[in-house]
PDB file of N, CA and C in Angstrom:
ATOM      1  N   MET A   1     -21.802  31.651  45.943  1.00  0.00           N
ATOM      2  CA  MET A   1     -20.807  31.718  46.993  1.00  0.00           C
ATOM      3  C   MET A   1     -19.463  31.271  46.422  1.00  0.00           C
ATOM      4  N   TYR A   2     -18.394  31.934  46.891  1.00  0.00           N
ATOM      5  CA  TYR A   2     -17.043  31.662  46.432  1.00  0.00           C
ATOM      6  C   TYR A   2     -16.217  31.182  47.621  1.00  0.00           C
ATOM      7  N   CYS A   3     -15.440  30.124  47.454  1.00  0.00           N
ATOM      8  CA  CYS A   3     -14.658  29.551  48.554  1.00  0.00           C
ATOM      9  C   CYS A   3     -13.189  29.440  48.176  1.00  0.00           C
ATOM     10  N   VAL A   4     -12.350  29.547  49.204  1.00  0.00           N
ATOM     11  CA  VAL A   4     -10.905  29.391  49.042  1.00  0.00           C
ATOM     12  C   VAL A   4     -10.427  28.433  50.119  1.00  0.00           C
ATOM     13  N   SER A   5      -9.599  27.474  49.734  1.00  0.00           N
ATOM     14  CA  SER A   5      -9.054  26.498  50.673  1.00  0.00           C
ATOM     15  C   SER A   5      -7.558  26.744  50.853  1.00  0.00           C
ATOM     16  N   TYR A   6      -7.114  26.718  52.104  1.00  0.00           N
ATOM     17  CA  TYR A   6      -5.728  27.035  52.449  1.00  0.00           C
ATOM     18  C   TYR A   6      -5.068  25.905  53.238  1.00  0.00           C
ATOM     19  N   LYS A   7      -3.750  25.860  53.155  1.00  0.00           N
ATOM     20  CA  LYS A   7      -2.919  24.995  53.996  1.00  0.00           C
ATOM     21  C   LYS A   7      -1.921  25.901  54.705  1.00  0.00           C
ATOM     22  N   PHE A   8      -1.780  25.703  56.025  1.00  0.00           N
ATOM     23  CA  PHE A   8      -0.870  26.518  56.823  1.00  0.00           C
ATOM     24  C   PHE A   8       0.180  25.629  57.482  1.00  0.00           C
ATOM     25  N   THR A   9       1.422  26.053  57.414  1.00  0.00           N
ATOM     26  CA  THR A   9       2.534  25.342  58.027  1.00  0.00           C
ATOM     27  C   THR A   9       3.082  26.179  59.173  1.00  0.00           C
ATOM     28  N   LEU A  10       3.072  25.619  60.377  1.00  0.00           N
ATOM     29  CA  LEU A  10       3.620  26.326  61.529  1.00  0.00           C
ATOM     30  C   LEU A  10       5.134  26.198  61.545  1.00  0.00           C
ATOM     31  N   LEU A  11       5.802  27.239  62.024  1.00  0.00           N
ATOM     32  CA  LEU A  11       7.265  27.213  62.097  1.00  0.00           C
ATOM     33  C   LEU A  11       7.738  26.324  63.230  1.00  0.00           C
ATOM     34  N   SER A  12       6.920  26.198  64.271  1.00  0.00           N
ATOM     35  CA  SER A  12       7.203  25.309  65.394  1.00  0.00           C
ATOM     36  C   SER A  12       5.881  24.661  65.776  1.00  0.00           C
ATOM     37  N   ASN A  13       5.775  23.370  65.588  1.00  0.00           N
ATOM     38  CA  ASN A  13       4.483  22.708  65.803  1.00  0.00           C
ATOM     39  C   ASN A  13       4.414  22.098  67.199  1.00  0.00           C
ATOM     40  N   ASN A  14       4.139  22.957  68.190  1.00  0.00           N
ATOM     41  CA  ASN A  14       3.905  22.474  69.555  1.00  0.00           C
ATOM     42  C   ASN A  14       2.571  23.035  70.030  1.00  0.00           C
ATOM     43  N   SER A  15       2.102  22.597  71.162  1.00  0.00           N
ATOM     44  CA  SER A  15       0.756  22.968  71.601  1.00  0.00           C
ATOM     45  C   SER A  15       0.599  24.469  71.822  1.00  0.00           C
ATOM     46  N   GLU A  16       1.616  25.149  72.332  1.00  0.00           N
ATOM     47  CA  GLU A  16       1.511  26.582  72.563  1.00  0.00           C
ATOM     48  C   GLU A  16       1.462  27.347  71.240  1.00  0.00           C
ATOM     49  N   THR A  17       2.276  26.955  70.279  1.00  0.00           N
ATOM     50  CA  THR A  17       2.239  27.598  68.966  1.00  0.00           C
ATOM     51  C   THR A  17       0.897  27.358  68.297  1.00  0.00           C
ATOM     52  N   ARG A  18       0.374  26.144  68.388  1.00  0.00           N
ATOM     53  CA  ARG A  18      -0.939  25.849  67.811  1.00  0.00           C
ATOM     54  C   ARG A  18      -2.008  26.714  68.463  1.00  0.00           C
ATOM     55  N   ARG A  19      -1.975  26.873  69.778  1.00  0.00           N
ATOM     56  CA  ARG A  19      -2.954  27.693  70.489  1.00  0.00           C
ATOM     57  C   ARG A  19      -2.875  29.137  70.014  1.00  0.00           C
ATOM     58  N   GLN A  20      -1.659  29.666  69.919  1.00  0.00           N
ATOM     59  CA  GLN A  20      -1.479  31.037  69.459  1.00  0.00           C
ATOM     60  C   GLN A  20      -1.945  31.203  68.007  1.00  0.00           C
ATOM     61  N   PHE A  21      -1.621  30.223  67.178  1.00  0.00           N
ATOM     62  CA  PHE A  21      -2.022  30.293  65.774  1.00  0.00           C
ATOM     63  C   PHE A  21      -3.541  30.341  65.643  1.00  0.00           C
ATOM     64  N   ILE A  22      -4.231  29.516  66.393  1.00  0.00           N
ATOM     65  CA  ILE A  22      -5.695  29.495  66.346  1.00  0.00           C
ATOM     66  C   ILE A  22      -6.251  30.864  66.743  1.00  0.00           C
ATOM     67  N   ALA A  23      -5.674  31.484  67.770  1.00  0.00           N
ATOM     68  CA  ALA A  23      -6.130  32.801  68.209  1.00  0.00           C
ATOM     69  C   ALA A  23      -5.889  33.857  67.127  1.00  0.00           C
ATOM     70  N   VAL A  24      -4.716  33.832  66.499  1.00  0.00           N
ATOM     71  CA  VAL A  24      -4.398  34.797  65.449  1.00  0.00           C
ATOM     72  C   VAL A  24      -5.293  34.560  64.237  1.00  0.00           C
ATOM     73  N   TRP A  25      -5.445  33.320  63.820  1.00  0.00           N
ATOM     74  CA  TRP A  25      -6.321  32.983  62.696  1.00  0.00           C
ATOM     75  C   TRP A  25      -7.740  33.482  62.971  1.00  0.00           C
ATOM     76  N   SER A  26      -8.221  33.289  64.185  1.00  0.00           N
ATOM     77  CA  SER A  26      -9.573  33.726  64.546  1.00  0.00           C
ATOM     78  C   SER A  26      -9.708  35.240  64.436  1.00  0.00           C
ATOM     79  N   GLY A  27      -8.707  35.969  64.918  1.00  0.00           N
ATOM     80  CA  GLY A  27      -8.740  37.427  64.829  1.00  0.00           C
ATOM     81  C   GLY A  27      -8.730  37.931  63.400  1.00  0.00           C
ATOM     82  N   LEU A  28      -7.903  37.328  62.563  1.00  0.00           N
ATOM     83  CA  LEU A  28      -7.849  37.725  61.156  1.00  0.00           C
ATOM     84  C   LEU A  28      -9.157  37.386  60.444  1.00  0.00           C
ATOM     85  N   THR A  29      -9.709  36.234  60.745  1.00  0.00           N
ATOM     86  CA  THR A  29     -10.979  35.842  60.143  1.00  0.00           C
ATOM     87  C   THR A  29     -12.084  36.814  60.548  1.00  0.00           C
ATOM     88  N   LEU A  30     -12.089  37.234  61.799  1.00  0.00           N
ATOM     89  CA  LEU A  30     -13.079  38.203  62.269  1.00  0.00           C
ATOM     90  C   LEU A  30     -12.951  39.524  61.500  1.00  0.00           C
ATOM     91  N   PHE A  31     -11.712  39.971  61.277  1.00  0.00           N
ATOM     92  CA  PHE A  31     -11.501  41.198  60.496  1.00  0.00           C
ATOM     93  C   PHE A  31     -12.106  41.050  59.100  1.00  0.00           C
ATOM     94  N   PHE A  32     -11.807  39.956  58.426  1.00  0.00           N
ATOM     95  CA  PHE A  32     -12.325  39.765  57.074  1.00  0.00           C
ATOM     96  C   PHE A  32     -13.848  39.684  57.066  1.00  0.00           C
ATOM     97  N   ARG A  33     -14.417  39.081  58.087  1.00  0.00           N
ATOM     98  CA  ARG A  33     -15.869  38.975  58.166  1.00  0.00           C
ATOM     99  C   ARG A  33     -16.511  40.338  58.444  1.00  0.00           C
ATOM    100  N   GLU A  34     -15.968  41.071  59.408  1.00  0.00           N
ATOM    101  CA  GLU A  34     -16.585  42.332  59.815  1.00  0.00           C
ATOM    102  C   GLU A  34     -16.246  43.506  58.891  1.00  0.00           C
ATOM    103  N   SER A  35     -15.073  43.505  58.285  1.00  0.00           N
ATOM    104  CA  SER A  35     -14.619  44.667  57.508  1.00  0.00           C
ATOM    105  C   SER A  35     -14.619  44.460  56.002  1.00  0.00           C
ATOM    106  N   CYS A  36     -14.618  43.214  55.563  1.00  0.00           N
ATOM    107  CA  CYS A  36     -14.421  42.957  54.132  1.00  0.00           C
ATOM    108  C   CYS A  36     -15.565  42.202  53.471  1.00  0.00           C
ATOM    109  N   GLY A  37     -16.574  41.806  54.243  1.00  0.00           N
ATOM    110  CA  GLY A  37     -17.710  41.114  53.653  1.00  0.00           C
ATOM    111  C   GLY A  37     -17.582  39.613  53.544  1.00  0.00           C
ATOM    112  N   ALA A  38     -16.534  39.030  54.135  1.00  0.00           N
ATOM    113  CA  ALA A  38     -16.396  37.568  54.109  1.00  0.00           C
ATOM    114  C   ALA A  38     -17.540  36.937  54.897  1.00  0.00           C
ATOM    115  N   LEU A  39     -17.872  35.718  54.565  1.00  0.00           N
ATOM    116  CA  LEU A  39     -18.933  34.993  55.271  1.00  0.00           C
ATOM    117  C   LEU A  39     -18.391  34.194  56.448  1.00  0.00           C
ATOM    118  N   GLY A  40     -17.078  34.074  56.538  1.00  0.00           N
ATOM    119  CA  GLY A  40     -16.465  33.320  57.621  1.00  0.00           C
ATOM    120  C   GLY A  40     -15.567  32.227  57.087  1.00  0.00           C
ATOM    121  N   SER A  41     -15.042  31.442  58.008  1.00  0.00           N
ATOM    122  CA  SER A  41     -14.079  30.412  57.648  1.00  0.00           C
ATOM    123  C   SER A  41     -14.119  29.303  58.690  1.00  0.00           C
ATOM    124  N   ARG A  42     -13.614  28.160  58.334  1.00  0.00           N
ATOM    125  CA  ARG A  42     -13.449  27.040  59.257  1.00  0.00           C
ATOM    126  C   ARG A  42     -11.994  26.616  59.222  1.00  0.00           C
ATOM    127  N   LEU A  43     -11.452  26.307  60.409  1.00  0.00           N
ATOM    128  CA  LEU A  43     -10.068  25.883  60.535  1.00  0.00           C
ATOM    129  C   LEU A  43     -10.042  24.442  61.023  1.00  0.00           C
ATOM    130  N   HIS A  44      -9.168  23.645  60.430  1.00  0.00           N
ATOM    131  CA  HIS A  44      -9.039  22.228  60.792  1.00  0.00           C
ATOM    132  C   HIS A  44      -7.576  21.919  61.073  1.00  0.00           C
ATOM    133  N   TYR A  45      -7.335  21.038  62.023  1.00  0.00           N
ATOM    134  CA  TYR A  45      -5.982  20.535  62.268  1.00  0.00           C
ATOM    135  C   TYR A  45      -5.994  19.067  61.876  1.00  0.00           C
ATOM    136  N   ALA A  46      -5.102  18.682  60.980  1.00  0.00           N
ATOM    137  CA  ALA A  46      -5.100  17.332  60.430  1.00  0.00           C
ATOM    138  C   ALA A  46      -4.025  16.461  61.065  1.00  0.00           C
ATOM    139  N   ASP A  47      -4.171  15.179  60.876  1.00  0.00           N
ATOM    140  CA  ASP A  47      -3.214  14.202  61.404  1.00  0.00           C
ATOM    141  C   ASP A  47      -1.810  14.387  60.833  1.00  0.00           C
ATOM    142  N   ASP A  48      -1.703  15.074  59.695  1.00  0.00           N
ATOM    143  CA  ASP A  48      -0.384  15.284  59.097  1.00  0.00           C
ATOM    144  C   ASP A  48       0.367  16.465  59.724  1.00  0.00           C
ATOM    145  N   GLY A  49      -0.242  17.120  60.735  1.00  0.00           N
ATOM    146  CA  GLY A  49       0.427  18.213  61.440  1.00  0.00           C
ATOM    147  C   GLY A  49       0.252  19.586  60.819  1.00  0.00           C
ATOM    148  N   TYR A  50      -0.604  19.684  59.808  1.00  0.00           N
ATOM    149  CA  TYR A  50      -0.867  20.970  59.169  1.00  0.00           C
ATOM    150  C   TYR A  50      -2.254  21.467  59.549  1.00  0.00           C
ATOM    151  N   PHE A  51      -2.421  22.779  59.482  1.00  0.00           N
ATOM    152  CA  PHE A  51      -3.743  23.378  59.598  1.00  0.00           C
ATOM    153  C   PHE A  51      -4.286  23.592  58.192  1.00  0.00           C
ATOM    154  N   TYR A  52      -5.580  23.359  58.036  1.00  0.00           N
ATOM    155  CA  TYR A  52      -6.274  23.600  56.777  1.00  0.00           C
ATOM    156  C   TYR A  52      -7.496  24.451  57.080  1.00  0.00           C
ATOM    157  N   ALA A  53      -7.843  25.318  56.148  1.00  0.00           N
ATOM    158  CA  ALA A  53      -9.026  26.149  56.329  1.00  0.00           C
ATOM    159  C   ALA A  53      -9.686  26.386  54.990  1.00  0.00           C
ATOM    160  N   TYR A  54     -10.950  26.720  55.059  1.00  0.00           N
ATOM    161  CA  TYR A  54     -11.588  27.248  53.871  1.00  0.00           C
ATOM    162  C   TYR A  54     -12.436  28.442  54.284  1.00  0.00           C
ATOM    163  N   ALA A  55     -12.360  29.457  53.453  1.00  0.00           N
ATOM    164  CA  ALA A  55     -13.086  30.700  53.691  1.00  0.00           C
ATOM    165  C   ALA A  55     -14.196  30.824  52.661  1.00  0.00           C
ATOM    166  N   GLN A  56     -15.305  31.380  53.100  1.00  0.00           N
ATOM    167  CA  GLN A  56     -16.438  31.582  52.204  1.00  0.00           C
ATOM    168  C   GLN A  56     -16.678  33.081  52.008  1.00  0.00           C
ATOM    169  N   TRP A  57     -16.955  33.427  50.773  1.00  0.00           N
ATOM    170  CA  TRP A  57     -17.231  34.805  50.377  1.00  0.00           C
ATOM    171  C   TRP A  57     -18.521  34.819  49.575  1.00  0.00           C
ATOM    172  N   PRO A  58     -19.249  35.936  49.588  1.00  0.00           N
ATOM    173  CA  PRO A  58     -20.465  36.002  48.770  1.00  0.00           C
ATOM    174  C   PRO A  58     -20.168  35.835  47.279  1.00  0.00           C
ATOM    175  N   SER A  59     -18.989  36.329  46.842  1.00  0.00           N
ATOM    176  CA  SER A  59     -18.608  36.235  45.435  1.00  0.00           C
ATOM    177  C   SER A  59     -17.100  36.433  45.313  1.00  0.00           C
ATOM    178  N   LYS A  60     -16.567  36.082  44.177  1.00  0.00           N
ATOM    179  CA  LYS A  60     -15.149  36.316  43.902  1.00  0.00           C
ATOM    180  C   LYS A  60     -14.850  37.812  43.912  1.00  0.00           C
ATOM    181  N   THR A  61     -15.793  38.611  43.438  1.00  0.00           N
ATOM    182  CA  THR A  61     -15.618  40.062  43.408  1.00  0.00           C
ATOM    183  C   THR A  61     -15.436  40.629  44.813  1.00  0.00           C
ATOM    184  N   VAL A  62     -16.237  40.166  45.767  1.00  0.00           N
ATOM    185  CA  VAL A  62     -16.119  40.640  47.151  1.00  0.00           C
ATOM    186  C   VAL A  62     -14.778  40.219  47.734  1.00  0.00           C
ATOM    187  N   LYS A  63     -14.362  38.985  47.455  1.00  0.00           N
ATOM    188  CA  LYS A  63     -13.071  38.500  47.945  1.00  0.00           C
ATOM    189  C   LYS A  63     -11.928  39.360  47.395  1.00  0.00           C
ATOM    190  N   GLU A  64     -11.952  39.633  46.102  1.00  0.00           N
ATOM    191  CA  GLU A  64     -10.887  40.421  45.496  1.00  0.00           C
ATOM    192  C   GLU A  64     -10.887  41.866  46.020  1.00  0.00           C
ATOM    193  N   ALA A  65     -12.059  42.431  46.286  1.00  0.00           N
ATOM    194  CA  ALA A  65     -12.163  43.790  46.803  1.00  0.00           C
ATOM    195  C   ALA A  65     -11.603  43.906  48.215  1.00  0.00           C
ATOM    196  N   ALA A  66     -11.539  42.798  48.941  1.00  0.00           N
ATOM    197  CA  ALA A  66     -11.001  42.813  50.309  1.00  0.00           C
ATOM    198  C   ALA A  66      -9.552  43.285  50.326  1.00  0.00           C
ATOM    199  N   GLY A  67      -8.842  43.065  49.247  1.00  0.00           N
ATOM    200  CA  GLY A  67      -7.458  43.503  49.159  1.00  0.00           C
ATOM    201  C   GLY A  67      -7.304  45.020  49.148  1.00  0.00           C
ATOM    202  N   ASN A  68      -8.397  45.732  48.909  1.00  0.00           N
ATOM    203  CA  ASN A  68      -8.371  47.194  48.875  1.00  0.00           C
ATOM    204  C   ASN A  68      -8.805  47.830  50.196  1.00  0.00           C
ATOM    205  N   ILE A  69      -9.192  47.013  51.170  1.00  0.00           N
ATOM    206  CA  ILE A  69      -9.637  47.522  52.469  1.00  0.00           C
ATOM    207  C   ILE A  69      -8.408  47.896  53.298  1.00  0.00           C
ATOM    208  N   ALA A  70      -8.437  49.070  53.877  1.00  0.00           N
ATOM    209  CA  ALA A  70      -7.310  49.510  54.715  1.00  0.00           C
ATOM    210  C   ALA A  70      -7.271  48.682  55.992  1.00  0.00           C
ATOM    211  N   PRO A  71      -6.126  48.091  56.298  1.00  0.00           N
ATOM    212  CA  PRO A  71      -6.025  47.281  57.512  1.00  0.00           C
ATOM    213  C   PRO A  71      -6.039  48.161  58.764  1.00  0.00           C
ATOM    214  N   THR A  72      -6.610  47.635  59.829  1.00  0.00           N
ATOM    215  CA  THR A  72      -6.602  48.322  61.112  1.00  0.00           C
ATOM    216  C   THR A  72      -5.270  48.063  61.809  1.00  0.00           C
ATOM    217  N   GLU A  73      -5.002  48.804  62.856  1.00  0.00           N
ATOM    218  CA  GLU A  73      -3.777  48.581  63.633  1.00  0.00           C
ATOM    219  C   GLU A  73      -3.762  47.178  64.229  1.00  0.00           C
ATOM    220  N   SER A  74      -4.917  46.724  64.733  1.00  0.00           N
ATOM    221  CA  SER A  74      -4.963  45.379  65.324  1.00  0.00           C
ATOM    222  C   SER A  74      -4.741  44.307  64.258  1.00  0.00           C
ATOM    223  N   PHE A  75      -5.229  44.536  63.032  1.00  0.00           N
ATOM    224  CA  PHE A  75      -4.972  43.609  61.934  1.00  0.00           C
ATOM    225  C   PHE A  75      -3.473  43.510  61.675  1.00  0.00           C
ATOM    226  N   GLY A  76      -2.793  44.654  61.646  1.00  0.00           N
ATOM    227  CA  GLY A  76      -1.350  44.670  61.431  1.00  0.00           C
ATOM    228  C   GLY A  76      -0.598  43.895  62.494  1.00  0.00           C
ATOM    229  N   LYS A  77      -1.014  44.039  63.740  1.00  0.00           N
ATOM    230  CA  LYS A  77      -0.377  43.293  64.831  1.00  0.00           C
ATOM    231  C   LYS A  77      -0.615  41.798  64.680  1.00  0.00           C
ATOM    232  N   LEU A  78      -1.819  41.421  64.268  1.00  0.00           N
ATOM    233  CA  LEU A  78      -2.113  40.000  64.055  1.00  0.00           C
ATOM    234  C   LEU A  78      -1.259  39.435  62.920  1.00  0.00           C
ATOM    235  N   ARG A  79      -1.092  40.194  61.851  1.00  0.00           N
ATOM    236  CA  ARG A  79      -0.261  39.730  60.724  1.00  0.00           C
ATOM    237  C   ARG A  79       1.201  39.574  61.144  1.00  0.00           C
ATOM    238  N   MET A  80       1.677  40.472  62.001  1.00  0.00           N
ATOM    239  CA  MET A  80       3.053  40.350  62.486  1.00  0.00           C
ATOM    240  C   MET A  80       3.203  39.096  63.349  1.00  0.00           C
ATOM    241  N   LYS A  81       2.229  38.828  64.190  1.00  0.00           N
ATOM    242  CA  LYS A  81       2.266  37.624  65.026  1.00  0.00           C
ATOM    243  C   LYS A  81       2.187  36.381  64.136  1.00  0.00           C
ATOM    244  N   TRP A  82       1.354  36.444  63.097  1.00  0.00           N
ATOM    245  CA  TRP A  82       1.230  35.334  62.143  1.00  0.00           C
ATOM    246  C   TRP A  82       2.602  34.988  61.562  1.00  0.00           C
ATOM    247  N   ALA A  83       3.361  36.012  61.185  1.00  0.00           N
ATOM    248  CA  ALA A  83       4.687  35.803  60.590  1.00  0.00           C
ATOM    249  C   ALA A  83       5.643  35.133  61.562  1.00  0.00           C
ATOM    250  N   GLU A  84       5.432  35.315  62.854  1.00  0.00           N
ATOM    251  CA  GLU A  84       6.254  34.644  63.870  1.00  0.00           C
ATOM    252  C   GLU A  84       5.867  33.174  64.028  1.00  0.00           C
ATOM    253  N   LEU A  85       4.637  32.837  63.669  1.00  0.00           N
ATOM    254  CA  LEU A  85       4.103  31.499  63.928  1.00  0.00           C
ATOM    255  C   LEU A  85       4.080  30.576  62.722  1.00  0.00           C
ATOM    256  N   ALA A  86       3.891  31.141  61.521  1.00  0.00           N
ATOM    257  CA  ALA A  86       3.626  30.299  60.349  1.00  0.00           C
ATOM    258  C   ALA A  86       4.360  30.806  59.121  1.00  0.00           C
ATOM    259  N   GLY A  87       4.589  29.874  58.217  1.00  0.00           N
ATOM    260  CA  GLY A  87       5.128  30.240  56.917  1.00  0.00           C
ATOM    261  C   GLY A  87       4.023  30.821  56.056  1.00  0.00           C
ATOM    262  N   PRO A  88       4.322  31.139  54.804  1.00  0.00           N
ATOM    263  CA  PRO A  88       3.296  31.680  53.909  1.00  0.00           C
ATOM    264  C   PRO A  88       2.130  30.703  53.732  1.00  0.00           C
ATOM    265  N   SER A  89       0.943  31.262  53.593  1.00  0.00           N
ATOM    266  CA  SER A  89      -0.246  30.438  53.351  1.00  0.00           C
ATOM    267  C   SER A  89      -0.172  29.840  51.955  1.00  0.00           C
ATOM    268  N   GLU A  90      -0.640  28.620  51.836  1.00  0.00           N
ATOM    269  CA  GLU A  90      -0.696  27.955  50.538  1.00  0.00           C
ATOM    270  C   GLU A  90      -2.157  27.825  50.129  1.00  0.00           C
ATOM    271  N   VAL A  91      -2.521  28.402  48.992  1.00  0.00           N
ATOM    272  CA  VAL A  91      -3.875  28.240  48.470  1.00  0.00           C
ATOM    273  C   VAL A  91      -3.938  26.897  47.764  1.00  0.00           C
ATOM    274  N   LEU A  92      -4.834  26.033  48.218  1.00  0.00           N
ATOM    275  CA  LEU A  92      -4.971  24.702  47.623  1.00  0.00           C
ATOM    276  C   LEU A  92      -5.922  24.725  46.430  1.00  0.00           C
ATOM    277  N   TRP A  93      -6.988  25.468  46.563  1.00  0.00           N
ATOM    278  CA  TRP A  93      -7.951  25.635  45.476  1.00  0.00           C
ATOM    279  C   TRP A  93      -8.884  26.781  45.817  1.00  0.00           C
ATOM    280  N   GLU A  94      -9.574  27.289  44.803  1.00  0.00           N
ATOM    281  CA  GLU A  94     -10.639  28.256  45.011  1.00  0.00           C
ATOM    282  C   GLU A  94     -11.636  28.150  43.879  1.00  0.00           C
ATOM    283  N   GLY A  95     -12.890  28.454  44.189  1.00  0.00           N
ATOM    284  CA  GLY A  95     -13.916  28.376  43.158  1.00  0.00           C
ATOM    285  C   GLY A  95     -15.312  28.583  43.688  1.00  0.00           C
ATOM    286  N   GLU A  96     -16.248  28.617  42.768  1.00  0.00           N
ATOM    287  CA  GLU A  96     -17.656  28.809  43.080  1.00  0.00           C
ATOM    288  C   GLU A  96     -18.270  27.522  43.641  1.00  0.00           C
ATOM    289  N   VAL A  97     -19.187  27.675  44.572  1.00  0.00           N
ATOM    290  CA  VAL A  97     -19.949  26.533  45.092  1.00  0.00           C
ATOM    291  C   VAL A  97     -20.953  26.110  44.022  1.00  0.00           C
ATOM    292  N   VAL A  98     -20.968  24.819  43.727  1.00  0.00           N
ATOM    293  CA  VAL A  98     -21.929  24.306  42.728  1.00  0.00           C
ATOM    294  C   VAL A  98     -22.977  23.385  43.348  1.00  0.00           C
ATOM    295  N   ALA A  99     -22.721  22.907  44.581  1.00  0.00           N
ATOM    296  CA  ALA A  99     -23.698  22.121  45.338  1.00  0.00           C
ATOM    297  C   ALA A  99     -23.326  22.272  46.813  1.00  0.00           C
ATOM    298  N   ASP A 100     -24.323  22.393  47.675  1.00  0.00           N
ATOM    299  CA  ASP A 100     -24.068  22.647  49.094  1.00  0.00           C
ATOM    300  C   ASP A 100     -24.947  21.734  49.930  1.00  0.00           C
ATOM    301  N   MET A 101     -24.315  20.816  50.645  1.00  0.00           N
ATOM    302  CA  MET A 101     -25.052  19.879  51.485  1.00  0.00           C
ATOM    303  C   MET A 101     -24.776  20.089  52.978  1.00  0.00           C
ATOM    304  N   LEU A 102     -24.102  21.204  53.346  1.00  0.00           N
ATOM    305  CA  LEU A 102     -23.905  21.528  54.758  1.00  0.00           C
ATOM    306  C   LEU A 102     -25.202  22.067  55.321  1.00  0.00           C
ATOM    307  N   SER A 103     -25.444  21.774  56.578  1.00  0.00           N
ATOM    308  CA  SER A 103     -26.664  22.323  57.199  1.00  0.00           C
ATOM    309  C   SER A 103     -26.318  23.380  58.199  1.00  0.00           C
TER     310      SER A 103
END
Protein backbone atom coordinates (compact mmCIF):
# COMPACT_ATOMS: atom_id res chain seq x y z
CA MET A 1 0.00 0.00 0.00
CA TYR A 2 1.17 3.52 -0.86
CA CYS A 3 0.18 6.60 1.18
CA VAL A 4 0.38 10.35 0.69
CA SER A 5 -0.01 12.92 3.46
CA TYR A 6 -1.29 16.43 2.72
CA LYS A 7 -1.68 19.78 4.47
CA PHE A 8 -4.45 22.14 3.33
CA THR A 9 -4.68 25.86 4.05
CA LEU A 10 -8.09 27.52 3.79
CA LEU A 11 -8.28 31.02 2.35
CA SER A 12 -10.84 31.96 5.00
CA ASN A 13 -10.92 29.82 8.12
CA ASN A 14 -14.48 30.11 9.42
CA SER A 15 -17.08 27.44 10.13
CA GLU A 16 -18.91 27.83 6.80
CA THR A 17 -15.70 27.60 4.77
CA ARG A 18 -14.62 24.55 6.78
CA ARG A 19 -18.02 22.91 6.14
CA GLN A 20 -17.78 23.60 2.42
CA PHE A 21 -14.18 22.39 2.29
CA ILE A 22 -15.09 19.09 3.94
CA ALA A 23 -17.88 18.58 1.39
CA VAL A 24 -15.57 19.35 -1.56
CA TRP A 25 -12.77 17.17 -0.16
CA SER A 26 -15.27 14.32 0.28
CA GLY A 27 -16.47 14.63 -3.31
CA LEU A 28 -12.95 14.65 -4.72
CA THR A 29 -11.97 11.70 -2.55
CA LEU A 30 -15.00 9.77 -3.81
CA PHE A 31 -13.94 10.46 -7.41
CA PHE A 32 -10.44 9.14 -6.77
CA ARG A 33 -11.82 6.08 -5.01
CA GLU A 34 -14.47 5.24 -7.62
CA SER A 35 -12.65 6.28 -10.81
CA CYS A 36 -8.94 6.00 -10.10
CA GLY A 37 -8.50 3.00 -7.81
CA ALA A 38 -7.68 4.91 -4.61
CA LEU A 39 -8.44 3.10 -1.36
CA GLY A 40 -9.76 6.24 0.31
CA SER A 41 -8.55 8.99 2.58
CA ARG A 42 -8.98 10.45 6.04
CA LEU A 43 -9.29 14.17 6.77
CA HIS A 44 -8.29 15.77 10.08
CA TYR A 45 -8.69 19.29 11.42
CA ALA A 46 -5.88 20.23 13.80
CA ASP A 47 -5.57 22.73 16.62
CA ASP A 48 -3.25 24.80 14.42
CA GLY A 49 -6.17 25.65 12.09
CA TYR A 50 -5.05 23.49 9.17
CA PHE A 51 -6.63 20.45 7.59
CA TYR A 52 -4.45 17.36 7.18
CA ALA A 53 -5.23 14.22 5.23
CA TYR A 54 -3.66 11.05 4.09
CA ALA A 55 -4.74 9.05 1.09
CA GLN A 56 -4.15 5.36 0.56
CA TRP A 57 -3.50 3.71 -2.79
CA PRO A 58 -2.87 0.07 -3.66
CA SER A 59 0.52 1.10 -5.12
CA LYS A 60 2.51 4.09 -6.30
CA THR A 61 1.81 2.97 -9.86
CA VAL A 62 -1.97 3.20 -9.35
CA LYS A 63 -1.59 6.64 -7.75
CA GLU A 64 0.52 7.93 -10.64
CA ALA A 65 -1.91 6.47 -13.23
CA ALA A 66 -4.73 8.50 -11.65
CA GLY A 67 -3.26 11.56 -13.32
CA ASN A 68 -4.22 10.06 -16.69
CA ILE A 69 -7.91 9.56 -15.82
CA ALA A 70 -10.22 11.99 -17.61
CA PRO A 71 -12.00 14.17 -15.05
CA THR A 72 -15.79 14.24 -14.99
CA GLU A 73 -17.77 17.47 -15.17
CA SER A 74 -18.63 17.17 -11.47
CA PHE A 75 -14.92 16.70 -10.67
CA GLY A 76 -14.16 19.93 -12.54
CA LYS A 77 -16.80 21.81 -10.57
CA LEU A 78 -15.40 20.46 -7.30
CA ARG A 79 -11.87 21.57 -8.28
CA MET A 80 -13.17 25.05 -9.10
CA LYS A 81 -14.90 25.26 -5.71
CA TRP A 82 -11.68 23.98 -4.07
CA ALA A 83 -9.79 26.91 -5.62
CA GLU A 84 -12.28 29.30 -4.01
CA LEU A 85 -11.78 27.72 -0.58
CA ALA A 86 -8.13 26.67 -0.27
CA GLY A 87 -4.63 27.38 -1.40
CA PRO A 88 -2.52 24.75 -3.15
CA SER A 89 -2.22 21.40 -1.39
CA GLU A 90 1.08 20.73 0.33
CA VAL A 91 2.42 17.18 0.18
CA LEU A 92 4.07 16.47 3.53
CA TRP A 93 5.33 12.99 2.72
CA GLU A 94 4.56 9.90 0.67
CA GLY A 95 5.73 6.32 0.76
CA GLU A 96 5.05 2.63 1.10
CA VAL A 97 3.44 1.20 4.24
CA VAL A 98 5.99 -0.88 6.14
CA ALA A 99 3.87 -1.69 9.24
CA ASP A 100 0.12 -1.32 9.78
CA MET A 101 -1.49 -1.33 13.21
CA LEU A 102 -4.86 0.23 12.25
CA SER A 103 -7.85 -2.02 12.69
